[in-house]
Structures are given as C-alpha cells and as structure tokens.
Amino acid sequence: MGNKMVIMQLTNKKLVVRGTRMIMEKHGIASNEARKLLLKHGSVKKCWSIGSRLTDMRHIDAVDNIWLGLDSWEKGHMMGHKTPLVLDNDRSLIPEAQEEKALRDFAHTWVKALRLMREEGILERAVWVAPMNEVPHFASRSIESVRKTGVLDQNEGEAIIDKNQLLNDRYLLLNLWMGEEIKDEIGRDNIPLSYSSLGGEQYSKRLPEIYDVADVHFMPGVITNPEDSKEFAEITQGHPQDFQGWEKMDLKRWSTVWDRACRNNYTGMLTRVRDFLTSALDNCTFPSGKRLQAVITESFGPCFWPDHPDVSWEWYKHYNGDASRIAASMPFEGISLSNYAEPLFTLWDEVDLHRNANIFILNVKK
C-alpha cells in the first residue's frame, strides 16, 4: 500500500490531501507549498524524486569536496515570462510599472527554493547565491526601463567598462529588488550575495551594498587585423559565429584563421585581459569603503567555440591558460580556467590542462 501511495495519481480530492501530507512530511515544507508542488508534478513519486536528486547532489559535493556557486539562468521561466534567448524574437517585456513586483516575486521564488535546499543539506555547500545569471543579458531584453535607455540585447564579450550613469542608477534599483529578500534569507547561513555580470560594468555603482561578490565575466572574441577580418567574412558568409551558424561553415579554415589571428595579436590579447581585469577591480569598492570580493567564473573566451574535430584547441588553450595566470597574479578571490557554461566537451577531457592550471593558480594565491 505504501508504494501505491507514492505513485498515486491525483484522481480525487482525498488523494490530493493525503499526497500533500506525505510531501510535507518528506520535505518539511508548509501545506500550501506541498500542495502546489504536488499539483504541478502530478504525483507524490515525482515530488519525492526532486528531493532525491538534491540529496544525491549533497552527497556528491561532500565526497568530492565540491562547493556550489548558485545562480539561475532560466529567470524568464521563474518569472512566468518567455526566456529571453539571443535568437528568441517572441519574448515578453516586463512593463516598467511592474518591474519591482516581478523582481521581488522572482526573489521570493528563490527564497522558497533556498529553504528546500537548506532542509536537504545543499545550502551548506554554497559559497554564494547570485539571484540571476548575467543580469544585463536578461535586463537589456526584458526590462522596459533598461531598454528605454537605448541599451538593447547585451551579450557576453563586453571588453569596455560601461559608464552610463542613467543605466547604473536603474540597475541599482533592479538589483535591490532582486537581492533584498534573498540576502535576508541567506544571511542566517553567512552565505554571500553575488552579482553575475556580463563584465563591462561599474559594480559599485550598479549594486546596493547588500551585495558581497562581483562575478566578473570576460569572453571577448579574438583580436583581428584586416586580413583576418576579411577571411572570417568569407568563411561565415553572414552567418553568426554560434552553434547554428557553424553548421554552415568550413570549420577547418575557420580554425586556421582563428589560430593565426590569436598568435599574431597575442600581445594585444593578453594586454586586453590585464587592462580589463584591472578596470573591473577598480570598480569593486563602494563609497563606504566596503569592497566586493571579485571572482571570475566565465572566462576567458570566446564565449562560443565549435567543439568539432576540424577545430584546433592549441591557441585557445594557450590563451585561456595564460589569461588565467594573469588573473591569478591579481586580487581575485576565485578564478576559472575557461567558460564551463558552454558544451566544450573536448576541453573537459583535458585533465592535465585543468590540473596544472589549478595548481599554478592555487600556488600563486598562497
């Protein structure tokens, strides 16, 4: 009978009541939250499996000494809006008059998730919570007040610090609305509140002082000379250099040109890294003197890379390895070797590359 209860479908009101009670007892949540979870997933078993996956994650993290930086990419879904992907032209816009409510509701959704994670022992592995991954990526597409400033559809790869004060003032409010309730919730666990950026931002002017961490993203494209640019244009034929566009290109030729451009402009590539990271650090101190802890989690790029047998990794690895060494010499609290957000499966298999880079970073930081 017990197993039948777990897999029962919601065929009548009595089963809903009994199923709600089972989920309350399993996850330690309030009745209304348990009922919403049950009605959303359709059975007690599915609701239980969510908790089981969280428990599995907790055990894996503890055994392998993995710590979690928590943020959210599916923010549109969490708000009930269409996800603002780069190629999604059918997306909804949050009207300015509704922005505060939408973002505070979003924060409250986070808080409910955080409480579940605390119950499951996940939160004890968290090193920070960032309400939204790459805030300007979403805001420049889906927040009306941001789009009114003329800043539209910002993407990864920003290499120049944006000093638009009107935009900074607006982000100050947006980040407060998103962060305030989350900060109150994670404060009891002494977990820092983090801001996930696109990189080229004046953090101390865009964030209220409830934030503790600035997550600096830096993934610009390769520096080119006129010959490189001309050849890239011939290869791409107007197609974007992303996963869909690459299907239509000669990737072997593309790779040859990329490696050549990186090699020929290598001094400029590394100088750009140092200059950008220096500027980022210069923008991490609030007027009060409080300093944001700066980390780099999505670097050094480019953001999109074709993981294909025809593509060489030689200069990509040179560049990302040397860029991480530059970052290691600077006062960042955390550094990643490359942008793990994209499916760079071949790079994931380069165990020695990651091992050696991490050993270098950790020894420099000592």
Protein backbone atom coordinates (compact mmCIF):
# COMPACT_ATOMS: atom_id res chain seq x y z
CA MET A 1 0.00 0.00 0.00
CA GLY A 2 2.87 2.37 0.80
CA ASN A 3 4.37 2.13 -2.71
CA LYS A 4 0.93 2.59 -4.27
CA MET A 5 0.52 5.79 -2.30
CA VAL A 6 3.83 7.15 -3.55
CA ILE A 7 2.97 6.61 -7.24
CA MET A 8 -0.71 7.53 -6.93
CA GLN A 9 -2.17 9.91 -9.47
CA LEU A 10 -4.40 12.77 -8.40
CA THR A 11 -7.78 11.20 -9.14
CA ASN A 12 -9.78 12.78 -6.32
CA LYS A 13 -9.62 15.41 -3.58
CA LYS A 14 -8.84 12.89 -0.86
CA LEU A 15 -5.71 11.75 -2.69
CA VAL A 16 -4.59 15.38 -3.05
CA VAL A 17 -4.94 15.88 0.71
CA ARG A 18 -3.08 12.65 1.51
CA GLY A 19 -0.37 13.33 -1.07
CA THR A 20 0.11 16.86 0.24
CA ARG A 21 0.62 15.50 3.76
CA MET A 22 3.22 12.98 2.52
CA ILE A 23 5.22 15.67 0.72
CA MET A 24 5.03 17.98 3.77
CA GLU A 25 6.49 15.21 5.95
CA LYS A 26 9.14 14.25 3.38
CA HIS A 27 10.47 17.73 2.64
CA GLY A 28 9.47 19.65 5.77
CA ILE A 29 7.55 22.36 3.90
CA ALA A 30 4.27 24.15 4.53
CA SER A 31 0.95 22.68 3.38
CA ASN A 32 0.30 25.24 0.64
CA GLU A 33 3.79 24.77 -0.83
CA ALA A 34 3.47 20.98 -0.74
CA ARG A 35 0.10 21.16 -2.46
CA LYS A 36 1.44 23.43 -5.23
CA LEU A 37 4.35 21.05 -5.76
CA LEU A 38 2.01 18.06 -5.95
CA LEU A 39 -0.39 19.70 -8.41
CA LYS A 40 2.49 20.86 -10.59
CA HIS A 41 4.19 17.46 -10.90
CA GLY A 42 1.10 15.23 -10.76
CA SER A 43 2.24 12.55 -8.32
CA VAL A 44 3.97 12.09 -4.98
CA LYS A 45 6.69 9.99 -6.63
CA LYS A 46 7.77 12.83 -8.92
CA CYS A 47 7.86 15.25 -6.00
CA TRP A 48 9.93 12.81 -3.97
CA SER A 49 12.39 12.31 -6.82
CA ILE A 50 13.13 16.04 -6.84
CA GLY A 51 14.20 15.77 -3.23
CA SER A 52 16.21 12.63 -4.00
CA ARG A 53 18.20 14.43 -6.71
CA LEU A 54 19.00 17.20 -4.24
CA THR A 55 20.13 14.62 -1.69
CA ASP A 56 22.32 12.90 -4.30
CA MET A 57 23.88 16.25 -5.14
CA ARG A 58 24.63 16.89 -1.47
CA HIS A 59 26.45 13.57 -1.09
CA ILE A 60 28.46 14.02 -4.31
CA ASP A 61 29.51 17.52 -3.26
CA ALA A 62 30.62 16.36 0.17
CA VAL A 63 32.58 13.32 -1.07
CA ASP A 64 34.35 15.18 -3.90
CA ASN A 65 34.77 18.42 -1.93
CA ILE A 66 32.73 20.36 -4.47
CA TRP A 67 31.31 23.74 -3.44
CA LEU A 68 28.38 25.41 -5.15
CA GLY A 69 28.04 28.89 -6.59
CA LEU A 70 24.27 29.15 -7.07
CA ASP A 71 22.59 31.27 -9.71
CA SER A 72 19.74 30.96 -12.21
CA TRP A 73 19.76 31.02 -15.99
CA GLU A 74 16.05 30.28 -16.54
CA LYS A 75 14.97 33.56 -14.99
CA GLY A 76 12.24 34.20 -17.55
CA HIS A 77 10.65 30.86 -16.69
CA MET A 78 10.87 31.63 -12.96
CA MET A 79 9.03 34.90 -13.58
CA GLY A 80 6.39 33.43 -15.86
CA HIS A 81 7.90 35.24 -18.85
CA LYS A 82 9.33 33.74 -22.01
CA THR A 83 13.03 33.05 -21.70
CA PRO A 84 14.94 35.89 -23.44
CA LEU A 85 17.34 33.87 -25.55
CA VAL A 86 19.53 35.67 -28.08
CA LEU A 87 17.60 34.19 -31.01
CA ASP A 88 14.15 34.41 -29.40
CA ASN A 89 12.25 37.28 -31.01
CA ASP A 90 8.95 36.25 -29.43
CA ARG A 91 9.76 37.30 -25.89
CA SER A 92 7.75 39.28 -23.39
CA LEU A 93 8.71 42.64 -21.94
CA ILE A 94 8.15 43.46 -18.26
CA PRO A 95 6.48 46.90 -18.15
CA GLU A 96 8.30 49.47 -16.03
CA ALA A 97 5.34 49.80 -13.64
CA GLN A 98 5.52 46.05 -12.93
CA GLU A 99 9.28 45.67 -12.66
CA GLU A 100 9.56 45.89 -8.88
CA LYS A 101 6.80 43.34 -8.30
CA ALA A 102 8.21 40.96 -10.93
CA LEU A 103 11.71 41.06 -9.47
CA ARG A 104 10.58 40.81 -5.85
CA ASP A 105 8.35 37.85 -6.78
CA PHE A 106 11.37 36.32 -8.52
CA ALA A 107 13.39 36.77 -5.32
CA HIS A 108 10.62 35.12 -3.31
CA THR A 109 10.71 32.11 -5.65
CA TRP A 110 14.42 31.91 -4.88
CA VAL A 111 13.77 32.06 -1.14
CA LYS A 112 11.35 29.13 -1.34
CA ALA A 113 13.99 27.13 -3.23
CA LEU A 114 16.68 28.11 -0.73
CA ARG A 115 14.58 26.86 2.15
CA LEU A 116 14.16 23.50 0.43
CA MET A 117 17.90 23.36 -0.22
CA ARG A 118 18.60 24.16 3.42
CA GLU A 119 16.34 21.30 4.50
CA GLU A 120 18.13 18.91 2.14
CA GLY A 121 21.61 19.96 3.29
CA ILE A 122 22.50 21.56 -0.06
CA LEU A 123 22.84 25.11 1.21
CA GLU A 124 25.72 24.18 3.48
CA ARG A 125 27.81 23.62 0.31
CA ALA A 126 27.00 27.06 -1.16
CA VAL A 127 29.79 29.64 -1.44
CA TRP A 128 27.47 32.32 -2.80
CA VAL A 129 24.00 32.91 -4.21
CA ALA A 130 23.57 35.10 -7.30
CA PRO A 131 19.89 35.84 -7.99
CA MET A 132 20.31 35.92 -11.78
CA ASN A 133 22.98 34.75 -14.19
CA GLU A 134 24.29 37.66 -16.29
CA VAL A 135 21.76 40.27 -15.19
CA PRO A 136 22.29 42.65 -18.18
CA HIS A 137 21.69 39.79 -20.63
CA PHE A 138 18.14 39.50 -19.27
CA ALA A 139 17.51 43.13 -18.40
CA SER A 140 18.54 44.53 -21.78
CA ARG A 141 15.97 42.23 -23.40
CA SER A 142 13.09 42.02 -20.96
CA ILE A 143 13.14 45.04 -18.61
CA GLU A 144 11.38 48.04 -20.14
CA SER A 145 13.20 50.72 -18.12
CA VAL A 146 16.58 49.36 -19.25
CA ARG A 147 15.56 49.24 -22.89
CA LYS A 148 14.33 52.83 -22.62
CA THR A 149 17.94 53.91 -22.02
CA GLY A 150 18.77 52.68 -25.53
CA VAL A 151 20.78 49.69 -24.35
CA LEU A 152 19.42 46.67 -26.21
CA ASP A 153 20.28 42.96 -26.23
CA GLN A 154 23.64 42.95 -24.47
CA ASN A 155 25.70 39.77 -24.83
CA GLU A 156 28.82 38.11 -23.47
CA GLY A 157 32.11 39.53 -24.67
CA GLU A 158 31.95 43.08 -23.35
CA ALA A 159 35.52 44.40 -23.17
CA ILE A 160 34.91 48.07 -22.27
CA ILE A 161 33.53 49.30 -18.94
CA ASP A 162 30.07 50.88 -19.40
CA LYS A 163 29.90 54.21 -17.53
CA ASN A 164 26.28 55.11 -18.34
CA GLN A 165 25.10 56.71 -15.09
CA LEU A 166 21.41 56.56 -16.04
CA LEU A 167 21.77 52.84 -16.60
CA ASN A 168 23.75 52.40 -13.37
CA ASP A 169 21.01 54.13 -11.38
CA ARG A 170 18.37 51.84 -12.85
CA TYR A 171 20.38 48.70 -12.16
CA LEU A 172 20.87 49.86 -8.58
CA LEU A 173 17.11 49.55 -8.08
CA LEU A 174 16.71 46.33 -10.06
CA ASN A 175 19.48 44.62 -8.11
CA LEU A 176 18.00 45.80 -4.81
CA TRP A 177 14.58 44.38 -5.67
CA MET A 178 16.13 41.05 -6.69
CA GLY A 179 18.59 40.79 -3.85
CA GLU A 180 16.94 42.13 -0.71
CA GLU A 181 14.82 39.14 0.37
CA ILE A 182 17.47 36.65 -0.75
CA LYS A 183 20.10 38.48 1.33
CA ASP A 184 17.85 38.33 4.38
CA GLU A 185 17.34 34.58 3.85
CA ILE A 186 20.98 33.57 3.29
CA GLY A 187 22.31 35.93 5.94
CA ARG A 188 21.48 33.35 8.62
CA ASP A 189 23.80 30.92 6.81
CA ASN A 190 26.55 33.51 6.33
CA ILE A 191 26.37 32.95 2.55
CA PRO A 192 27.48 35.93 0.44
CA LEU A 193 25.14 37.57 -2.07
CA SER A 194 26.73 37.66 -5.51
CA TYR A 195 26.12 39.65 -8.68
CA SER A 196 26.55 37.84 -12.01
CA SER A 197 27.66 40.28 -14.71
CA LEU A 198 28.42 40.49 -18.39
CA GLY A 199 31.75 42.00 -17.37
CA GLY A 200 31.93 45.60 -18.54
CA GLU A 201 30.21 47.20 -15.56
CA GLN A 202 30.81 49.63 -12.72
CA TYR A 203 29.82 47.21 -10.00
CA SER A 204 30.00 49.62 -7.08
CA LYS A 205 27.55 51.95 -8.87
CA ARG A 206 25.13 49.25 -10.05
CA LEU A 207 24.80 47.36 -6.78
CA PRO A 208 23.42 48.23 -3.37
CA GLU A 209 25.80 47.41 -0.53
CA ILE A 210 23.86 44.27 0.41
CA TYR A 211 25.97 42.54 -2.28
CA ASP A 212 29.23 40.89 -1.30
CA VAL A 213 30.62 39.36 -4.51
CA ALA A 214 31.05 40.55 -8.10
CA ASP A 215 31.24 37.70 -10.61
CA VAL A 216 33.28 39.12 -13.50
CA HIS A 217 32.60 37.54 -16.89
CA PHE A 218 35.06 38.21 -19.70
CA MET A 219 34.72 36.37 -23.00
CA PRO A 220 35.52 38.65 -25.96
CA GLY A 221 36.37 37.38 -29.41
CA VAL A 222 39.82 37.13 -30.96
CA ILE A 223 41.57 40.35 -31.98
CA THR A 224 41.89 40.53 -35.76
CA ASN A 225 43.74 42.54 -38.38
CA PRO A 226 42.10 43.49 -41.73
CA GLU A 227 43.27 40.29 -43.43
CA ASP A 228 41.78 38.13 -40.67
CA SER A 229 38.50 40.06 -40.71
CA LYS A 230 38.19 39.68 -44.48
CA GLU A 231 38.79 35.95 -44.35
CA PHE A 232 36.36 35.47 -41.45
CA ALA A 233 33.73 37.29 -43.54
CA GLU A 234 34.36 34.94 -46.46
CA ILE A 235 34.05 31.89 -44.22
CA THR A 236 30.96 32.97 -42.28
CA GLN A 237 29.08 34.43 -45.29
CA GLY A 238 26.85 36.42 -42.98
CA HIS A 239 26.09 33.55 -40.62
CA PRO A 240 26.56 34.23 -36.89
CA GLN A 241 29.56 32.63 -35.21
CA ASP A 242 27.49 30.46 -32.93
CA PHE A 243 26.36 26.84 -32.79
CA GLN A 244 23.78 27.20 -35.56
CA GLY A 245 25.98 29.30 -37.81
CA TRP A 246 28.97 26.94 -37.61
CA GLU A 247 26.96 24.15 -39.21
CA LYS A 248 27.15 26.12 -42.45
CA MET A 249 30.90 26.91 -42.35
CA ASP A 250 34.24 25.38 -43.26
CA LEU A 251 35.38 24.93 -39.67
CA LYS A 252 38.87 23.76 -40.56
CA ARG A 253 39.52 27.03 -42.37
CA TRP A 254 37.78 28.97 -39.61
CA SER A 255 40.08 27.36 -37.04
CA THR A 256 43.19 28.13 -39.05
CA VAL A 257 42.25 31.82 -39.28
CA TRP A 258 41.37 31.99 -35.57
CA ASP A 259 44.69 30.45 -34.52
CA ARG A 260 46.59 32.78 -36.84
CA ALA A 261 44.79 35.86 -35.51
CA CYS A 262 45.36 34.81 -31.90
CA ARG A 263 49.05 34.12 -32.50
CA ASN A 264 49.69 37.33 -34.44
CA ASN A 265 47.82 39.50 -31.95
CA TYR A 266 48.82 37.66 -28.79
CA THR A 267 50.38 40.65 -27.07
CA GLY A 268 47.19 42.61 -27.61
CA MET A 269 45.04 39.69 -26.45
CA LEU A 270 46.87 39.39 -23.12
CA THR A 271 47.15 43.16 -22.65
CA ARG A 272 43.38 43.40 -23.09
CA VAL A 273 42.93 40.77 -20.37
CA ARG A 274 45.09 42.64 -17.88
CA ASP A 275 43.57 46.05 -18.68
CA PHE A 276 40.01 44.76 -18.41
CA LEU A 277 40.56 42.88 -15.15
CA THR A 278 42.33 45.90 -13.66
CA SER A 279 39.34 48.09 -14.56
CA ALA A 280 36.95 45.51 -13.09
CA LEU A 281 38.81 45.51 -9.77
CA ASP A 282 38.89 49.31 -9.76
CA ASN A 283 35.08 49.27 -9.81
CA CYS A 284 34.61 46.95 -6.83
CA THR A 285 34.77 49.44 -3.95
CA PHE A 286 31.61 51.09 -2.61
CA PRO A 287 31.64 54.75 -1.47
CA SER A 288 31.52 53.46 2.14
CA GLY A 289 34.81 51.64 1.61
CA LYS A 290 33.25 48.17 1.55
CA ARG A 291 34.94 46.10 -1.14
CA LEU A 292 33.21 43.49 -3.25
CA GLN A 293 35.02 40.17 -3.46
CA ALA A 294 35.75 39.67 -7.15
CA VAL A 295 35.62 36.25 -8.82
CA ILE A 296 35.85 35.13 -12.45
CA THR A 297 33.61 32.21 -13.42
CA GLU A 298 33.05 32.64 -17.16
CA SER A 299 36.33 33.39 -18.88
CA PHE A 300 38.34 33.99 -20.98
CA GLY A 301 36.67 33.05 -24.10
CA PRO A 302 35.50 33.41 -26.63
CA CYS A 303 32.05 32.57 -25.26
CA PHE A 304 31.09 30.41 -28.24
CA TRP A 305 33.51 27.82 -29.56
CA PRO A 306 32.88 24.99 -32.07
CA ASP A 307 33.72 21.71 -30.37
CA HIS A 308 34.44 19.87 -33.63
CA PRO A 309 37.21 17.52 -34.84
CA ASP A 310 38.20 20.07 -37.52
CA VAL A 311 38.89 22.75 -34.90
CA SER A 312 42.26 23.07 -33.22
CA TRP A 313 42.45 23.80 -29.50
CA GLU A 314 46.11 24.83 -29.48
CA TRP A 315 45.85 28.61 -29.32
CA TYR A 316 42.56 28.52 -27.43
CA LYS A 317 44.36 26.65 -24.65
CA HIS A 318 47.41 28.93 -24.82
CA TYR A 319 45.22 31.98 -24.46
CA ASN A 320 42.92 30.71 -21.70
CA GLY A 321 45.86 29.29 -19.75
CA ASP A 322 47.92 32.48 -19.92
CA ALA A 323 44.89 34.67 -19.21
CA SER A 324 44.17 32.66 -16.07
CA ARG A 325 47.79 33.14 -14.97
CA ILE A 326 47.40 36.90 -15.37
CA ALA A 327 44.22 36.79 -13.29
CA ALA A 328 45.99 34.66 -10.66
CA SER A 329 48.51 37.47 -10.16
CA MET A 330 45.68 39.88 -9.30
CA PRO A 331 43.49 40.09 -6.17
CA PHE A 332 40.60 37.92 -7.35
CA GLU A 333 39.08 35.55 -4.81
CA GLY A 334 38.32 32.86 -7.36
CA ILE A 335 39.27 32.08 -10.98
CA SER A 336 38.10 29.55 -13.54
CA LEU A 337 40.20 28.44 -16.48
CA SER A 338 37.54 28.67 -19.15
CA ASN A 339 33.84 29.18 -19.76
CA TYR A 340 32.32 25.95 -18.49
CA ALA A 341 28.83 27.19 -19.33
CA GLU A 342 29.19 26.12 -22.95
CA PRO A 343 29.44 22.46 -24.11
CA LEU A 344 33.21 22.36 -24.55
CA PHE A 345 33.34 18.62 -24.01
CA THR A 346 36.77 18.12 -25.58
CA LEU A 347 38.24 20.68 -23.20
CA TRP A 348 36.62 18.98 -20.22
CA ASP A 349 38.65 15.88 -21.04
CA GLU A 350 41.94 17.81 -20.88
CA VAL A 351 42.67 16.71 -17.32
CA ASP A 352 46.29 17.86 -17.30
CA LEU A 353 45.36 21.31 -18.59
CA HIS A 354 42.94 21.88 -15.71
CA ARG A 355 45.13 20.19 -13.13
CA ASN A 356 48.24 22.19 -14.00
CA ALA A 357 46.39 25.49 -14.27
CA ASN A 358 44.68 24.95 -10.92
CA ILE A 359 47.97 24.00 -9.26
CA PHE A 360 49.51 27.22 -10.63
CA ILE A 361 46.58 29.38 -9.50
CA LEU A 362 46.50 27.89 -6.01
CA ASN A 363 50.26 28.28 -5.56
CA VAL A 364 50.19 31.91 -6.69
CA LYS A 365 47.29 32.61 -4.34
CA LYS A 366 49.27 31.20 -1.40
